[in-house]
Amino acid sequence: MAEHLVDLSRLTDEHVSRLSGALPAANGRHSDIRYIHGLPDIARAIDEALSGAKREILTAQPDGSRPSGVLKEALESVRRQISAGVAMRTLYQHSTRFDEATKEYVREVAKHGVSVRTLDEFFDRLVIVDDVAFIATNEDRTSAAAVREPAVVRFLRDTFNRSWDRAQPFPFVPHHAAKAADEVIPAIRESIKRLLVEGYSDKQIARRLGISERSLQTHIASMKQELGARNRLQMGYLLGRHETTLVR
């Protein structure tokens, strides 16, 4: 959907080449695009770019909550830059508002002026450091492209900004789960309804929203009760009829 951050996992090497207008060289490189294979090499390339950041760091981190160790490493990798005044904005999914490690990380980076917002819907991982963007080139994100082509970087930055404008600020103070639920659960459930009507499986819906399948089942049970549906089949019918009524 154009309103959401583009599904970057579907940008293959060929797609990136097409966007940049460049033809692939025999060694898998372009003048403005470098392909990186393997998670260690991807991490090193991003760390190298972060160490030289001068103006801006943009990151989109999907799939819900991240381990506390990963968050600590993320903070250490940008601490010097953000302390020196490099602007940084990060997008998470709404589900991270219920994670204590993420809330602690947000409180810490906020001390340095970092802004964090959350979205209900799926987006893929994206890192932009000044004039270079890192995007996944396969579904499991074990390969990436470091893109310096100005037109592509500008497109990705604009896409990030459009999603940023739609996102909700992450609270920078201790935030009770009940309050977070009041803010984000309606949006999560609207996404669940739409994805169910569109025919996505429970596993796909959970991944797109950054929640566990168990949490998804809890939401669905509440939605069935709200609709007065006796089972999933009847709930699907009622949701589909509601969507049809809205379109008319």
Protein backbone atom coordinates (compact mmCIF):
# COMPACT_ATOMS: atom_id res chain seq x y z
CA MET A 1 0.00 0.00 0.00
CA ALA A 2 1.38 3.38 -0.98
CA GLU A 3 0.52 4.86 2.41
CA HIS A 4 2.78 2.46 4.23
CA LEU A 5 6.52 2.18 4.23
CA VAL A 6 7.39 0.23 1.08
CA ASP A 7 7.96 -3.52 1.51
CA LEU A 8 11.70 -3.29 0.98
CA SER A 9 12.22 -7.05 1.29
CA ARG A 10 10.71 -7.32 -2.20
CA LEU A 11 13.33 -5.02 -3.69
CA THR A 12 15.61 -7.52 -5.39
CA ASP A 13 18.97 -6.68 -6.94
CA GLU A 14 17.18 -6.29 -10.26
CA HIS A 15 14.64 -3.86 -8.81
CA VAL A 16 17.33 -1.70 -7.23
CA SER A 17 19.21 -1.68 -10.52
CA ARG A 18 16.05 -0.59 -12.32
CA LEU A 19 15.39 2.20 -9.84
CA SER A 20 18.91 3.58 -10.16
CA GLY A 21 19.03 3.24 -13.93
CA ALA A 22 22.34 1.41 -13.63
CA LEU A 23 23.35 -1.89 -15.21
CA PRO A 24 24.91 -4.53 -12.94
CA ALA A 25 28.62 -5.12 -13.30
CA ALA A 26 30.13 -8.59 -13.38
CA ASN A 27 31.27 -8.41 -9.75
CA GLY A 28 27.79 -7.54 -8.47
CA ARG A 29 28.54 -3.84 -7.90
CA HIS A 30 27.43 -0.55 -9.35
CA SER A 31 29.08 2.79 -8.99
CA ASP A 32 26.30 3.76 -6.56
CA ILE A 33 25.11 0.37 -5.29
CA ARG A 34 27.07 -2.21 -3.31
CA TYR A 35 25.62 -5.61 -2.53
CA ILE A 36 26.47 -7.11 0.85
CA HIS A 37 25.95 -10.77 1.74
CA GLY A 38 25.85 -12.20 5.23
CA LEU A 39 24.67 -10.62 8.48
CA PRO A 40 28.18 -9.93 9.88
CA ASP A 41 29.20 -8.02 6.74
CA ILE A 42 25.90 -6.11 6.71
CA ALA A 43 26.39 -5.12 10.36
CA ARG A 44 29.96 -3.98 9.69
CA ALA A 45 28.89 -1.87 6.70
CA ILE A 46 26.13 -0.18 8.69
CA ASP A 47 28.43 0.42 11.67
CA GLU A 48 31.00 1.97 9.35
CA ALA A 49 28.38 4.32 7.91
CA LEU A 50 27.10 5.20 11.40
CA SER A 51 30.59 6.01 12.63
CA GLY A 52 30.89 8.65 9.92
CA ALA A 53 27.38 10.12 10.26
CA LYS A 54 27.35 13.91 10.07
CA ARG A 55 23.72 14.99 9.60
CA GLU A 56 20.96 12.40 9.92
CA ILE A 57 20.23 8.79 10.84
CA LEU A 58 16.85 7.27 9.91
CA THR A 59 15.98 3.71 10.93
CA ALA A 60 12.87 1.57 10.45
CA GLN A 61 12.93 -1.54 12.67
CA PRO A 62 10.03 -4.00 12.12
CA ASP A 63 9.02 -7.32 13.72
CA GLY A 64 8.00 -6.03 17.12
CA SER A 65 10.18 -5.98 20.21
CA ARG A 66 13.95 -6.46 19.97
CA PRO A 67 16.15 -8.22 22.57
CA SER A 68 17.62 -5.92 25.23
CA GLY A 69 21.16 -6.88 24.16
CA VAL A 70 20.46 -5.78 20.59
CA LEU A 71 19.04 -2.48 21.84
CA LYS A 72 22.12 -1.84 23.98
CA GLU A 73 24.38 -2.50 20.99
CA ALA A 74 22.24 -0.16 18.88
CA LEU A 75 22.62 2.60 21.47
CA GLU A 76 26.38 2.16 21.68
CA SER A 77 26.74 2.29 17.89
CA VAL A 78 25.14 5.76 17.68
CA ARG A 79 25.90 7.26 21.11
CA ARG A 80 28.79 9.45 19.93
CA GLN A 81 26.94 10.70 16.85
CA ILE A 82 23.70 11.64 18.60
CA SER A 83 25.64 13.23 21.46
CA ALA A 84 27.37 15.37 18.84
CA GLY A 85 24.04 16.56 17.47
CA VAL A 86 23.40 14.19 14.56
CA ALA A 87 19.61 14.03 14.08
CA MET A 88 18.07 10.57 14.49
CA ARG A 89 14.56 9.23 14.01
CA THR A 90 13.41 5.63 14.47
CA LEU A 91 10.20 3.83 13.50
CA TYR A 92 8.98 0.77 15.40
CA GLN A 93 5.67 -1.07 15.38
CA HIS A 94 2.93 -0.38 17.93
CA SER A 95 3.60 -3.68 19.71
CA THR A 96 6.93 -2.34 21.05
CA ARG A 97 4.99 -0.02 23.38
CA PHE A 98 4.39 -3.02 25.65
CA ASP A 99 8.07 -4.03 25.83
CA GLU A 100 10.09 -2.83 28.85
CA ALA A 101 13.50 -3.11 27.13
CA THR A 102 12.31 -0.98 24.22
CA LYS A 103 10.79 1.63 26.56
CA GLU A 104 14.08 1.85 28.47
CA TYR A 105 16.00 2.26 25.20
CA VAL A 106 13.64 5.01 24.06
CA ARG A 107 14.01 6.84 27.36
CA GLU A 108 17.79 6.70 27.02
CA VAL A 109 18.07 7.87 23.41
CA ALA A 110 15.47 10.58 24.02
CA LYS A 111 17.95 12.21 26.40
CA HIS A 112 20.06 12.93 23.32
CA GLY A 113 17.18 14.24 21.23
CA VAL A 114 16.36 11.06 19.27
CA SER A 115 12.71 10.83 18.17
CA VAL A 116 10.87 7.50 18.11
CA ARG A 117 7.42 6.77 16.67
CA THR A 118 5.37 3.63 16.06
CA LEU A 119 3.08 2.35 13.31
CA ASP A 120 0.45 -0.38 13.36
CA GLU A 121 1.33 -1.91 9.99
CA PHE A 122 4.24 -3.89 8.61
CA PHE A 123 7.26 -2.26 7.04
CA ASP A 124 10.67 -3.66 6.28
CA ARG A 125 14.03 -2.77 7.75
CA LEU A 126 15.58 0.43 6.44
CA VAL A 127 18.62 2.42 7.54
CA ILE A 128 19.58 5.76 6.00
CA VAL A 129 22.77 7.46 7.13
CA ASP A 130 23.29 10.83 5.48
CA ASP A 131 23.51 9.94 1.78
CA VAL A 132 23.57 6.13 1.91
CA ALA A 133 20.59 3.80 2.40
CA PHE A 134 20.70 0.14 3.44
CA ILE A 135 17.84 -2.09 2.31
CA ALA A 136 17.25 -5.83 2.35
CA THR A 137 17.42 -7.63 -0.97
CA ASN A 138 15.97 -10.97 0.12
CA GLU A 139 13.15 -12.07 2.40
CA ASP A 140 15.28 -13.33 5.29
CA ARG A 141 17.42 -10.15 5.19
CA THR A 142 20.73 -12.00 4.87
CA SER A 143 21.64 -9.87 1.85
CA ALA A 144 21.45 -6.11 1.55
CA ALA A 145 22.22 -3.24 -0.78
CA ALA A 146 24.08 -0.12 0.26
CA VAL A 147 22.62 2.49 -2.08
CA ARG A 148 24.24 5.86 -2.79
CA GLU A 149 22.30 6.70 -5.95
CA PRO A 150 20.78 10.10 -5.01
CA ALA A 151 17.40 9.48 -6.69
CA VAL A 152 16.89 6.18 -4.87
CA VAL A 153 18.03 7.55 -1.50
CA ARG A 154 15.71 10.53 -1.96
CA PHE A 155 12.82 8.17 -2.76
CA LEU A 156 13.49 6.04 0.33
CA ARG A 157 13.84 9.08 2.57
CA ASP A 158 10.54 10.48 1.26
CA THR A 159 8.85 7.11 1.86
CA PHE A 160 10.20 7.05 5.41
CA ASN A 161 8.97 10.61 6.01
CA ARG A 162 5.48 9.80 4.76
CA SER A 163 5.27 6.91 7.19
CA TRP A 164 6.78 9.06 9.94
CA ASP A 165 4.02 11.63 9.46
CA ARG A 166 1.39 8.91 9.99
CA ALA A 167 3.11 7.37 13.02
CA GLN A 168 2.40 8.09 16.68
CA PRO A 169 5.07 9.42 19.07
CA PHE A 170 6.51 6.84 21.45
CA PRO A 171 6.09 7.94 25.08
CA PHE A 172 9.42 9.01 26.58
CA VAL A 173 8.32 8.55 30.21
CA PRO A 174 7.26 5.45 32.15
CA HIS A 175 4.09 4.41 30.41
CA HIS A 176 1.62 1.90 31.86
CA ALA A 177 0.59 -0.90 29.52
CA ALA A 178 -3.09 -0.04 30.01
CA LYS A 179 -2.50 3.49 28.74
CA ALA A 180 -0.50 2.23 25.77
CA ALA A 181 -3.32 -0.19 25.00
CA ASP A 182 -5.85 2.64 24.88
CA GLU A 183 -3.67 4.46 22.35
CA VAL A 184 -2.68 1.70 19.95
CA ILE A 185 -4.95 -1.35 20.26
CA PRO A 186 -7.79 0.18 18.20
CA ALA A 187 -5.34 0.71 15.32
CA ILE A 188 -3.94 -2.80 15.69
CA ARG A 189 -7.42 -4.32 15.61
CA GLU A 190 -8.41 -2.32 12.57
CA SER A 191 -5.37 -3.74 10.79
CA ILE A 192 -6.28 -7.27 11.94
CA LYS A 193 -9.81 -6.86 10.55
CA ARG A 194 -8.53 -5.62 7.20
CA LEU A 195 -5.90 -8.37 6.90
CA LEU A 196 -8.42 -11.08 7.81
CA VAL A 197 -10.81 -9.82 5.13
CA GLU A 198 -7.93 -9.79 2.64
CA GLY A 199 -7.27 -13.47 3.38
CA TYR A 200 -3.96 -13.39 5.21
CA SER A 201 -3.13 -16.33 7.49
CA ASP A 202 -2.73 -15.88 11.25
CA LYS A 203 1.02 -16.33 10.92
CA GLN A 204 1.25 -13.65 8.23
CA ILE A 205 -0.92 -11.22 10.19
CA ALA A 206 1.12 -11.68 13.37
CA ARG A 207 4.34 -11.00 11.50
CA ARG A 208 2.98 -7.93 9.75
CA LEU A 209 1.88 -6.44 13.06
CA GLY A 210 4.94 -7.46 15.05
CA ILE A 211 2.97 -9.55 17.57
CA SER A 212 2.92 -13.23 18.55
CA GLU A 213 0.28 -15.58 17.18
CA ARG A 214 -0.93 -16.05 20.76
CA SER A 215 -1.49 -12.28 21.10
CA LEU A 216 -3.27 -12.30 17.75
CA GLN A 217 -5.64 -15.02 18.98
CA THR A 218 -6.42 -12.88 22.05
CA HIS A 219 -7.32 -9.93 19.80
CA ILE A 220 -9.45 -12.12 17.56
CA ALA A 221 -11.33 -13.55 20.55
CA SER A 222 -12.15 -10.02 21.73
CA MET A 223 -13.22 -9.01 18.23
CA LYS A 224 -15.54 -12.03 17.99
CA GLN A 225 -17.15 -11.02 21.25
CA GLU A 226 -17.60 -7.42 20.10
CA LEU A 227 -19.24 -8.57 16.87
CA GLY A 228 -21.41 -11.18 18.61
CA ALA A 229 -19.91 -13.89 16.39
CA ARG A 230 -20.03 -17.52 17.57
CA ASN A 231 -16.99 -18.63 15.54
CA ARG A 232 -14.26 -17.47 13.14
CA LEU A 233 -16.40 -18.22 10.09
CA GLN A 234 -19.24 -16.00 11.28
CA MET A 235 -16.78 -13.30 12.31
CA GLY A 236 -15.25 -13.34 8.83
CA TYR A 237 -18.69 -12.99 7.27
CA LEU A 238 -19.59 -10.05 9.54
CA LEU A 239 -16.28 -8.33 8.86
CA GLY A 240 -16.66 -8.82 5.12
CA ARG A 241 -20.20 -7.46 5.17
CA HIS A 242 -19.00 -4.41 7.12
CA GLU A 243 -16.22 -3.77 4.58
CA THR A 244 -18.70 -4.07 1.72
CA THR A 245 -21.05 -1.57 3.40
CA LEU A 246 -18.20 0.92 3.77
CA VAL A 247 -17.31 0.70 0.07
CA ARG A 248 -20.87 1.38 -1.14
